[in-house]
C-alpha atoms as a PDB file:
ATOM      1  CA  MET A   1      24.600  93.301 148.405  1.00  0.00           C
ATOM      2  CA  ASN A   2      27.796  94.480 150.077  1.00  0.00           C
ATOM      3  CA  SER A   3      29.240  90.963 149.967  1.00  0.00           C
ATOM      4  CA  VAL A   4      28.581  90.809 146.209  1.00  0.00           C
ATOM      5  CA  LYS A   5      30.397  94.126 145.710  1.00  0.00           C
ATOM      6  CA  LYS A   6      33.326  92.952 147.840  1.00  0.00           C
ATOM      7  CA  ASN A   7      33.530  89.735 145.846  1.00  0.00           C
ATOM      8  CA  TYR A   8      33.480  91.708 142.587  1.00  0.00           C
ATOM      9  CA  LEU A   9      36.207  94.078 143.811  1.00  0.00           C
ATOM     10  CA  GLY A  10      38.275  91.142 145.020  1.00  0.00           C
ATOM     11  CA  LYS A  11      38.169  89.544 141.582  1.00  0.00           C
ATOM     12  CA  LEU A  12      38.975  92.874 139.946  1.00  0.00           C
ATOM     13  CA  LEU A  13      42.153  93.183 142.017  1.00  0.00           C
ATOM     14  CA  PHE A  14      43.508  90.043 140.383  1.00  0.00           C
ATOM     15  CA  PHE A  15      43.187  91.699 136.963  1.00  0.00           C
ATOM     16  CA  ILE A  16      45.106  94.863 137.890  1.00  0.00           C
ATOM     17  CA  PRO A  17      48.631  93.344 137.473  1.00  0.00           C
ATOM     18  CA  ALA A  18      47.635  91.825 134.136  1.00  0.00           C
ATOM     19  CA  ILE A  19      46.114  95.112 132.948  1.00  0.00           C
ATOM     20  CA  PHE A  20      49.255  96.973 133.996  1.00  0.00           C
ATOM     21  CA  VAL A  21      51.581  94.536 132.211  1.00  0.00           C
ATOM     22  CA  PHE A  22      49.405  94.541 129.074  1.00  0.00           C
ATOM     23  CA  GLY A  23      49.165  98.322 129.052  1.00  0.00           C
ATOM     24  CA  TYR A  24      52.843  99.018 129.733  1.00  0.00           C
ATOM     25  CA  GLY A  25      54.233  96.097 127.739  1.00  0.00           C
ATOM     26  CA  ILE A  26      51.987  96.204 124.653  1.00  0.00           C
ATOM     27  CA  ILE A  27      49.653  99.214 124.424  1.00  0.00           C
ATOM     28  CA  TYR A  28      52.176 101.906 125.401  1.00  0.00           C
ATOM     29  CA  PRO A  29      54.958 100.642 123.058  1.00  0.00           C
ATOM     30  CA  PHE A  30      52.472 100.401 120.197  1.00  0.00           C
ATOM     31  CA  ILE A  31      51.323 103.989 120.762  1.00  0.00           C
ATOM     32  CA  ARG A  32      54.960 105.154 120.842  1.00  0.00           C
ATOM     33  CA  LEU A  33      55.655 103.153 117.677  1.00  0.00           C
ATOM     34  CA  PHE A  34      52.684 104.738 115.924  1.00  0.00           C
ATOM     35  CA  ILE A  35      53.789 108.243 116.972  1.00  0.00           C
ATOM     36  CA  VAL A  36      57.308 107.652 115.630  1.00  0.00           C
ATOM     37  CA  SER A  37      55.870 106.346 112.351  1.00  0.00           C
ATOM     38  CA  LEU A  38      54.147 109.717 111.859  1.00  0.00           C
ATOM     39  CA  GLN A  39      57.387 111.651 112.241  1.00  0.00           C
ATOM     40  CA  LYS A  40      60.274 112.423 109.921  1.00  0.00           C
ATOM     41  CA  SER A  41      63.631 114.163 110.081  1.00  0.00           C
ATOM     42  CA  VAL A  42      64.290 117.387 108.157  1.00  0.00           C
ATOM     43  CA  ASP A  43      67.686 119.090 108.553  1.00  0.00           C
ATOM     44  CA  GLY A  44      68.279 117.155 111.741  1.00  0.00           C
ATOM     45  CA  LYS A  45      64.944 118.183 113.251  1.00  0.00           C
ATOM     46  CA  ILE A  46      62.125 115.767 113.995  1.00  0.00           C
ATOM     47  CA  ILE A  47      58.838 117.076 112.640  1.00  0.00           C
ATOM     48  CA  PHE A  48      55.384 115.710 111.944  1.00  0.00           C
ATOM     49  CA  GLY A  49      55.460 113.801 108.672  1.00  0.00           C
ATOM     50  CA  GLY A  50      51.922 112.491 108.502  1.00  0.00           C
ATOM     51  CA  LEU A  51      51.595 109.353 106.414  1.00  0.00           C
ATOM     52  CA  ASP A  52      54.814 109.912 104.441  1.00  0.00           C
ATOM     53  CA  SER A  53      56.538 106.874 105.957  1.00  0.00           C
ATOM     54  CA  TYR A  54      53.541 104.675 105.207  1.00  0.00           C
ATOM     55  CA  LYS A  55      53.504 105.870 101.593  1.00  0.00           C
ATOM     56  CA  ARG A  56      57.200 105.026 101.221  1.00  0.00           C
ATOM     57  CA  VAL A  57      56.762 101.588 102.743  1.00  0.00           C
ATOM     58  CA  LEU A  58      53.713 100.798 100.613  1.00  0.00           C
ATOM     59  CA  GLY A  59      55.604 102.060  97.557  1.00  0.00           C
ATOM     60  CA  ASP A  60      58.579  99.791  98.261  1.00  0.00           C
ATOM     61  CA  SER A  61      58.571  96.612  96.162  1.00  0.00           C
ATOM     62  CA  VAL A  62      60.747  94.862  98.775  1.00  0.00           C
ATOM     63  CA  PHE A  63      57.938  95.259 101.326  1.00  0.00           C
ATOM     64  CA  PHE A  64      55.557  93.466  98.969  1.00  0.00           C
ATOM     65  CA  ASP A  65      58.180  90.774  98.413  1.00  0.00           C
ATOM     66  CA  ALA A  66      58.105  90.294 102.184  1.00  0.00           C
ATOM     67  CA  ILE A  67      54.295  90.082 102.139  1.00  0.00           C
ATOM     68  CA  ARG A  68      54.442  87.454  99.376  1.00  0.00           C
ATOM     69  CA  ASN A  69      56.975  85.347 101.267  1.00  0.00           C
ATOM     70  CA  ASN A  70      55.031  85.529 104.522  1.00  0.00           C
ATOM     71  CA  MET A  71      51.927  84.435 102.618  1.00  0.00           C
ATOM     72  CA  ILE A  72      53.896  81.540 101.094  1.00  0.00           C
ATOM     73  CA  LEU A  73      54.979  80.470 104.579  1.00  0.00           C
ATOM     74  CA  ILE A  74      51.360  80.557 105.745  1.00  0.00           C
ATOM     75  CA  ALA A  75      50.120  78.662 102.673  1.00  0.00           C
ATOM     76  CA  VAL A  76      52.753  75.919 103.058  1.00  0.00           C
ATOM     77  CA  VAL A  77      53.246  75.653 106.814  1.00  0.00           C
ATOM     78  CA  VAL A  78      49.648  75.860 108.054  1.00  0.00           C
ATOM     79  CA  PRO A  79      48.061  72.935 106.127  1.00  0.00           C
ATOM     80  CA  LEU A  80      51.197  70.777 106.235  1.00  0.00           C
ATOM     81  CA  LEU A  81      51.748  71.321 109.950  1.00  0.00           C
ATOM     82  CA  ILE A  82      48.101  70.885 110.942  1.00  0.00           C
ATOM     83  CA  TRP A  83      47.673  67.639 109.028  1.00  0.00           C
ATOM     84  CA  SER A  84      51.040  66.305 110.215  1.00  0.00           C
ATOM     85  CA  CYS A  85      50.167  67.093 113.838  1.00  0.00           C
ATOM     86  CA  LEU A  86      46.772  65.494 113.365  1.00  0.00           C
ATOM     87  CA  VAL A  87      48.214  62.287 111.885  1.00  0.00           C
ATOM     88  CA  PHE A  88      51.038  61.902 114.422  1.00  0.00           C
ATOM     89  CA  SER A  89      48.848  62.724 117.427  1.00  0.00           C
ATOM     90  CA  ILE A  90      46.261  60.106 116.383  1.00  0.00           C
ATOM     91  CA  MET A  91      48.995  57.536 115.717  1.00  0.00           C
ATOM     92  CA  ILE A  92      50.561  58.102 119.137  1.00  0.00           C
ATOM     93  CA  TYR A  93      47.122  58.138 120.796  1.00  0.00           C
ATOM     94  CA  ASN A  94      46.315  54.724 119.330  1.00  0.00           C
ATOM     95  CA  LEU A  95      49.670  53.220 120.262  1.00  0.00           C
ATOM     96  CA  GLY A  96      48.831  52.873 123.935  1.00  0.00           C
ATOM     97  CA  ARG A  97      51.867  51.308 125.612  1.00  0.00           C
ATOM     98  CA  GLY A  98      55.150  52.603 124.232  1.00  0.00           C
ATOM     99  CA  SER A  99      53.700  55.937 123.164  1.00  0.00           C
ATOM    100  CA  LYS A 100      55.907  57.857 125.633  1.00  0.00           C
ATOM    101  CA  PHE A 101      59.010  57.027 123.595  1.00  0.00           C
ATOM    102  CA  PHE A 102      57.500  58.459 120.414  1.00  0.00           C
ATOM    103  CA  GLN A 103      56.267  61.524 122.291  1.00  0.00           C
ATOM    104  CA  VAL A 104      59.835  62.243 123.405  1.00  0.00           C
ATOM    105  CA  VAL A 105      61.282  61.644 119.932  1.00  0.00           C
ATOM    106  CA  ILE A 106      58.788  63.906 118.151  1.00  0.00           C
ATOM    107  CA  PHE A 107      59.170  66.660 120.761  1.00  0.00           C
ATOM    108  CA  ILE A 108      62.999  66.846 120.648  1.00  0.00           C
ATOM    109  CA  PRO A 109      63.193  69.194 117.598  1.00  0.00           C
ATOM    110  CA  TYR A 110      60.864  71.665 119.328  1.00  0.00           C
ATOM    111  CA  ILE A 111      63.152  72.099 122.335  1.00  0.00           C
ATOM    112  CA  LEU A 112      66.167  72.862 120.138  1.00  0.00           C
ATOM    113  CA  SER A 113      66.920  76.558 119.761  1.00  0.00           C
ATOM    114  CA  ILE A 114      65.975  78.109 116.422  1.00  0.00           C
ATOM    115  CA  THR A 115      69.543  79.357 116.009  1.00  0.00           C
ATOM    116  CA  ALA A 116      70.969  75.854 116.458  1.00  0.00           C
ATOM    117  CA  THR A 117      68.344  74.455 114.075  1.00  0.00           C
ATOM    118  CA  GLY A 118      69.159  77.098 111.462  1.00  0.00           C
ATOM    119  CA  ILE A 119      72.906  76.469 111.647  1.00  0.00           C
ATOM    120  CA  LEU A 120      72.370  72.702 111.490  1.00  0.00           C
ATOM    121  CA  PHE A 121      70.243  72.858 108.335  1.00  0.00           C
ATOM    122  CA  SER A 122      72.493  75.500 106.766  1.00  0.00           C
ATOM    123  CA  ILE A 123      75.277  72.913 106.920  1.00  0.00           C
ATOM    124  CA  LEU A 124      73.158  69.917 105.893  1.00  0.00           C
ATOM    125  CA  LEU A 125      71.501  71.703 102.955  1.00  0.00           C
ATOM    126  CA  GLN A 126      74.605  73.197 101.345  1.00  0.00           C
ATOM    127  CA  LYS A 127      75.040  72.521  97.639  1.00  0.00           C
ATOM    128  CA  ASN A 128      77.739  69.976  98.458  1.00  0.00           C
ATOM    129  CA  GLY A 129      76.322  69.099 101.862  1.00  0.00           C
ATOM    130  CA  ILE A 130      75.471  65.723 103.340  1.00  0.00           C
ATOM    131  CA  ILE A 131      71.896  65.588 102.020  1.00  0.00           C
ATOM    132  CA  ASN A 132      72.825  66.451  98.432  1.00  0.00           C
ATOM    133  CA  GLU A 133      75.724  63.979  98.494  1.00  0.00           C
ATOM    134  CA  PHE A 134      73.255  61.312  99.582  1.00  0.00           C
ATOM    135  CA  PHE A 135      70.948  62.183  96.682  1.00  0.00           C
ATOM    136  CA  ARG A 136      73.853  61.923  94.221  1.00  0.00           C
ATOM    137  CA  LYS A 137      74.929  58.533  95.535  1.00  0.00           C
ATOM    138  CA  ILE A 138      71.450  57.034  95.084  1.00  0.00           C
ATOM    139  CA  GLY A 139      71.096  58.496  91.592  1.00  0.00           C
ATOM    140  CA  LEU A 140      68.750  61.383  92.410  1.00  0.00           C
ATOM    141  CA  ASP A 141      71.067  64.100  91.103  1.00  0.00           C
ATOM    142  CA  PHE A 142      68.122  66.297  90.107  1.00  0.00           C
ATOM    143  CA  LEU A 143      67.309  66.719  93.822  1.00  0.00           C
ATOM    144  CA  ALA A 144      70.825  67.898  94.646  1.00  0.00           C
ATOM    145  CA  VAL A 145      70.087  71.612  94.497  1.00  0.00           C
ATOM    146  CA  ASP A 146      71.243  74.531  96.623  1.00  0.00           C
ATOM    147  CA  TRP A 147      68.228  74.373  98.952  1.00  0.00           C
ATOM    148  CA  LEU A 148      68.899  77.677 100.721  1.00  0.00           C
ATOM    149  CA  GLY A 149      70.845  79.394  97.946  1.00  0.00           C
ATOM    150  CA  ASN A 150      68.381  78.869  95.119  1.00  0.00           C
ATOM    151  CA  SER A 151      65.854  81.719  95.069  1.00  0.00           C
ATOM    152  CA  LYS A 152      63.167  79.442  93.616  1.00  0.00           C
ATOM    153  CA  VAL A 153      63.166  76.940  96.482  1.00  0.00           C
ATOM    154  CA  ALA A 154      64.741  78.729  99.487  1.00  0.00           C
ATOM    155  CA  ILE A 155      61.499  80.034 101.028  1.00  0.00           C
ATOM    156  CA  PHE A 156      59.866  76.597 100.639  1.00  0.00           C
ATOM    157  CA  THR A 157      62.880  74.954 102.265  1.00  0.00           C
ATOM    158  CA  ILE A 158      62.544  77.291 105.240  1.00  0.00           C
ATOM    159  CA  ALA A 159      58.834  76.439 105.440  1.00  0.00           C
ATOM    160  CA  LEU A 160      59.624  72.704 105.648  1.00  0.00           C
ATOM    161  CA  ILE A 161      62.238  73.331 108.349  1.00  0.00           C
ATOM    162  CA  VAL A 162      59.650  75.289 110.351  1.00  0.00           C
ATOM    163  CA  VAL A 163      57.222  72.359 110.045  1.00  0.00           C
ATOM    164  CA  TRP A 164      59.902  69.908 111.239  1.00  0.00           C
ATOM    165  CA  LYS A 165      60.737  72.066 114.240  1.00  0.00           C
ATOM    166  CA  GLU A 166      57.182  72.965 115.295  1.00  0.00           C
ATOM    167  CA  LEU A 167      55.687  69.517 114.733  1.00  0.00           C
ATOM    168  CA  GLY A 168      56.355  68.378 118.304  1.00  0.00           C
ATOM    169  CA  PHE A 169      54.426  71.162 120.000  1.00  0.00           C
ATOM    170  CA  GLY A 170      51.373  70.829 117.776  1.00  0.00           C
ATOM    171  CA  THR A 171      51.337  67.055 118.138  1.00  0.00           C
ATOM    172  CA  MET A 172      51.472  67.272 121.940  1.00  0.00           C
ATOM    173  CA  LEU A 173      48.737  69.913 121.890  1.00  0.00           C
ATOM    174  CA  PHE A 174      46.434  67.708 119.824  1.00  0.00           C
ATOM    175  CA  LEU A 175      47.365  64.618 121.826  1.00  0.00           C
ATOM    176  CA  SER A 176      46.472  66.258 125.138  1.00  0.00           C
ATOM    177  CA  ARG A 177      43.015  66.981 123.737  1.00  0.00           C
ATOM    178  CA  LEU A 178      42.627  63.464 122.360  1.00  0.00           C
ATOM    179  CA  GLU A 179      43.433  61.996 125.770  1.00  0.00           C
ATOM    180  CA  ALA A 180      40.320  63.777 127.082  1.00  0.00           C
ATOM    181  CA  LEU A 181      38.201  61.899 124.546  1.00  0.00           C
ATOM    182  CA  PRO A 182      35.654  59.684 126.381  1.00  0.00           C
ATOM    183  CA  GLU A 183      36.378  55.995 125.909  1.00  0.00           C
ATOM    184  CA  GLU A 184      32.660  55.387 125.360  1.00  0.00           C
ATOM    185  CA  LEU A 185      32.756  57.350 122.101  1.00  0.00           C
ATOM    186  CA  VAL A 186      35.789  55.445 120.837  1.00  0.00           C
ATOM    187  CA  ASP A 187      34.161  52.118 121.684  1.00  0.00           C
ATOM    188  CA  ALA A 188      30.923  53.219 120.013  1.00  0.00           C
ATOM    189  CA  THR A 189      32.693  53.936 116.708  1.00  0.00           C
ATOM    190  CA  LYS A 190      34.309  50.494 116.822  1.00  0.00           C
ATOM    191  CA  ILE A 191      30.967  48.815 117.494  1.00  0.00           C
ATOM    192  CA  ASP A 192      29.387  50.737 114.603  1.00  0.00           C
ATOM    193  CA  GLY A 193      32.119  49.384 112.334  1.00  0.00           C
ATOM    194  CA  ALA A 194      33.536  52.764 111.390  1.00  0.00           C
ATOM    195  CA  ASN A 195      36.742  52.599 109.355  1.00  0.00           C
ATOM    196  CA  LYS A 196      39.794  54.804 110.050  1.00  0.00           C
ATOM    197  CA  TRP A 197      38.693  57.553 107.665  1.00  0.00           C
ATOM    198  CA  GLN A 198      35.183  57.693 109.145  1.00  0.00           C
ATOM    199  CA  THR A 199      36.616  57.735 112.665  1.00  0.00           C
ATOM    200  CA  LEU A 200      38.900  60.616 111.705  1.00  0.00           C
ATOM    201  CA  LEU A 201      36.105  62.709 110.162  1.00  0.00           C
ATOM    202  CA  ASN A 202      33.312  61.924 112.600  1.00  0.00           C
ATOM    203  CA  LEU A 203      35.142  61.531 115.903  1.00  0.00           C
ATOM    204  CA  TYR A 204      38.674  62.887 116.063  1.00  0.00           C
ATOM    205  CA  ILE A 205      38.340  66.094 114.026  1.00  0.00           C
ATOM    206  CA  PRO A 206      35.073  67.254 115.698  1.00  0.00           C
ATOM    207  CA  HIS A 207      36.638  66.598 119.095  1.00  0.00           C
ATOM    208  CA  LEU A 208      39.787  68.553 118.103  1.00  0.00           C
ATOM    209  CA  LYS A 209      37.928  71.375 116.319  1.00  0.00           C
ATOM    210  CA  GLY A 210      38.529  74.042 118.975  1.00  0.00           C
ATOM    211  CA  VAL A 211      42.212  73.147 119.367  1.00  0.00           C
ATOM    212  CA  ILE A 212      42.713  73.081 115.591  1.00  0.00           C
ATOM    213  CA  VAL A 213      41.232  76.580 115.187  1.00  0.00           C
ATOM    214  CA  PHE A 214      43.416  77.864 118.043  1.00  0.00           C
ATOM    215  CA  TYR A 215      46.578  76.279 116.634  1.00  0.00           C
ATOM    216  CA  ILE A 216      45.902  77.476 113.075  1.00  0.00           C
ATOM    217  CA  THR A 217      45.661  81.035 114.396  1.00  0.00           C
ATOM    218  CA  LEU A 218      48.818  80.597 116.460  1.00  0.00           C
ATOM    219  CA  VAL A 219      50.739  79.304 113.439  1.00  0.00           C
ATOM    220  CA  ILE A 220      49.472  82.105 111.182  1.00  0.00           C
ATOM    221  CA  ILE A 221      50.562  84.731 113.721  1.00  0.00           C
ATOM    222  CA  SER A 222      53.937  82.997 114.011  1.00  0.00           C
ATOM    223  CA  MET A 223      54.392  83.002 110.230  1.00  0.00           C
ATOM    224  CA  LEU A 224      53.608  86.719 110.151  1.00  0.00           C
ATOM    225  CA  SER A 225      55.742  87.847 113.061  1.00  0.00           C
ATOM    226  CA  TRP A 226      57.894  85.046 114.474  1.00  0.00           C
ATOM    227  CA  VAL A 227      60.141  83.727 111.665  1.00  0.00           C
ATOM    228  CA  PHE A 228      62.977  86.232 112.022  1.00  0.00           C
ATOM    229  CA  ASN A 229      65.444  83.758 113.574  1.00  0.00           C
ATOM    230  CA  TYR A 230      64.827  81.096 110.943  1.00  0.00           C
ATOM    231  CA  VAL A 231      65.379  83.455 108.014  1.00  0.00           C
ATOM    232  CA  PHE A 232      68.147  85.530 109.592  1.00  0.00           C
ATOM    233  CA  VAL A 233      70.278  82.517 110.495  1.00  0.00           C
ATOM    234  CA  MET A 234      69.797  80.544 107.261  1.00  0.00           C
ATOM    235  CA  THR A 235      69.642  83.205 104.521  1.00  0.00           C
ATOM    236  CA  GLY A 236      69.618  86.658 106.113  1.00  0.00           C
ATOM    237  CA  GLY A 237      66.722  87.564 103.842  1.00  0.00           C
ATOM    238  CA  ALA A 238      68.709  86.856 100.664  1.00  0.00           C
ATOM    239  CA  ASN A 239      67.729  84.505  97.836  1.00  0.00           C
ATOM    240  CA  ASN A 240      64.146  85.734  97.712  1.00  0.00           C
ATOM    241  CA  THR A 241      63.420  85.010 101.403  1.00  0.00           C
ATOM    242  CA  MET A 242      62.639  88.530 102.608  1.00  0.00           C
ATOM    243  CA  VAL A 243      59.955  88.517 105.323  1.00  0.00           C
ATOM    244  CA  PHE A 244      58.249  91.194 107.440  1.00  0.00           C
ATOM    245  CA  GLU A 245      60.632  91.019 110.383  1.00  0.00           C
ATOM    246  CA  ILE A 246      63.784  91.101 108.254  1.00  0.00           C
ATOM    247  CA  TYR A 247      62.354  94.100 106.389  1.00  0.00           C
ATOM    248  CA  VAL A 248      61.754  95.978 109.658  1.00  0.00           C
ATOM    249  CA  TYR A 249      65.191  94.944 110.958  1.00  0.00           C
ATOM    250  CA  ARG A 250      66.925  96.292 107.852  1.00  0.00           C
ATOM    251  CA  GLN A 251      65.001  99.550 107.939  1.00  0.00           C
ATOM    252  CA  LEU A 252      65.887 100.148 111.586  1.00  0.00           C
ATOM    253  CA  PHE A 253      69.406  98.788 111.954  1.00  0.00           C
ATOM    254  CA  LEU A 254      70.873  98.661 108.451  1.00  0.00           C
ATOM    255  CA  TYR A 255      69.421 101.807 106.861  1.00  0.00           C
ATOM    256  CA  PHE A 256      68.839 103.620 110.196  1.00  0.00           C
ATOM    257  CA  ASN A 257      65.364 104.557 108.984  1.00  0.00           C
ATOM    258  CA  ARG A 258      63.377 104.385 112.194  1.00  0.00           C
ATOM    259  CA  TRP A 259      60.427 106.201 110.647  1.00  0.00           C
ATOM    260  CA  GLY A 260      59.990 103.665 107.850  1.00  0.00           C
ATOM    261  CA  GLY A 261      60.788 100.751 110.154  1.00  0.00           C
ATOM    262  CA  SER A 262      58.176 101.941 112.637  1.00  0.00           C
ATOM    263  CA  ALA A 263      55.569 102.335 109.881  1.00  0.00           C
ATOM    264  CA  ALA A 264      56.253  98.793 108.629  1.00  0.00           C
ATOM    265  CA  ALA A 265      56.045  97.447 112.189  1.00  0.00           C
ATOM    266  CA  VAL A 266      52.680  99.170 112.702  1.00  0.00           C
ATOM    267  CA  LEU A 267      51.328  97.629 109.491  1.00  0.00           C
ATOM    268  CA  ILE A 268      52.470  94.169 110.574  1.00  0.00           C
ATOM    269  CA  SER A 269      50.930  94.674 114.020  1.00  0.00           C
ATOM    270  CA  LEU A 270      47.609  95.655 112.485  1.00  0.00           C
ATOM    271  CA  ILE A 271      47.612  92.523 110.322  1.00  0.00           C
ATOM    272  CA  VAL A 272      48.250  90.365 113.406  1.00  0.00           C
ATOM    273  CA  VAL A 273      45.452  92.157 115.313  1.00  0.00           C
ATOM    274  CA  VAL A 274      43.044  91.434 112.448  1.00  0.00           C
ATOM    275  CA  VAL A 275      44.026  87.740 112.555  1.00  0.00           C
ATOM    276  CA  ILE A 276      43.478  87.632 116.325  1.00  0.00           C
ATOM    277  CA  PHE A 277      40.092  89.331 115.917  1.00  0.00           C
ATOM    278  CA  PHE A 278      38.882  86.720 113.436  1.00  0.00           C
ATOM    279  CA  GLN A 279      40.275  83.944 115.634  1.00  0.00           C
ATOM    280  CA  MET A 280      38.317  85.229 118.626  1.00  0.00           C
ATOM    281  CA  LYS A 281      35.225  85.564 116.446  1.00  0.00           C
ATOM    282  CA  SER A 282      35.574  81.981 115.203  1.00  0.00           C
ATOM    283  CA  ARG A 283      36.158  80.745 118.749  1.00  0.00           C
ATOM    284  CA  LEU A 284      32.991  82.447 119.927  1.00  0.00           C
ATOM    285  CA  GLY A 285      31.141  80.828 117.035  1.00  0.00           C
ATOM    286  CA  LEU A 286      32.473  77.409 118.012  1.00  0.00           C
ATOM    287  CA  ASP A 287      31.457  77.955 121.646  1.00  0.00           C
ATOM    288  CA  GLU A 288      27.930  78.884 120.572  1.00  0.00           C
ATOM    289  CA  ASP A 289      27.700  75.807 118.351  1.00  0.00           C
ATOM    290  CA  GLY A 290      29.044  73.613 121.120  1.00  0.00           C
END
C-alpha cells in the first residue's frame, strides 16, 4: 500500500511544474484581466464599474465587424485548409520515392515568418503589382483588382494567404498519421478493387478522423486569436478586415482604453474556451467510439 502511495506521489511531483506554469502563465493573468474589465476611471480614480465595459464593447458596431470577419476566416480557411491538407498528404503518401522533395517544398511557406509573408504579399498583391500585371498581360483584366485595398475582397485574400502559409504544417500532420496506416489495410482495399474515392472515404478519412478533429479545432482557435500579424502587416485592420485581436490592440494602445480592451479580451478568451471544451468533448466521443 505504501509503495502505491509513493508511486502516486512521485507521479504527482511531475505535474507540479506544469500546474505552476499553467496557473501563473494563464489562470492568474486571466483573473487580473477580468478584474480590470470590471473597473473604470472616474476623475482619475479607478473604481468598480461592473459590466459597463462589456456593455460598451457589445454596443460597438466595430466589435461585431470583427466577429463577422473572424467568422469569415473560419468559414473560408477551415474547409479549404483541411481538404487541401488531406489531398496533398495523400498525394505525397502515395508517391513513395521522391516524396521527401515535395515534403520540403510544401513545408517552406510554414517556416517563413508571418511578417515576411505579409510584406511579400502586400507587394505582390498591389493594384499595379506583379500578379495584377500578369493578369492584364494574359487578358484577365477583371481579376486585376486591389486584393488588399478592396473592402469586398480583402478579408478573403487574407484567408487564402493564411491557407497558403499553414498548408505545410497540416499536410505534415496528416502525413505522419497516414504513415502509421497498416500496409495490410491498404493492400486489402486494392484487392477489393476500391477506387480512389472509395479509398478516401473508407480508409484514409476514418484513419485520420482524430487528427482532423484536432486540427480543425486548432485552426478555429487560430482564426479567433492568432491572425493579428497577418492583418496588422497587410491591412492594419483597414478595408473591412477588422478582427478580434486588432480590435483589442486599438482599444489598449490606440485609444488607451484598457477597461474596454480587457473586456473584449475576456470575451474572446471565453469564446476560445468554449471551442476547446467542445473539441475535448468530441475527442472523448471519438475515443469511446474507437
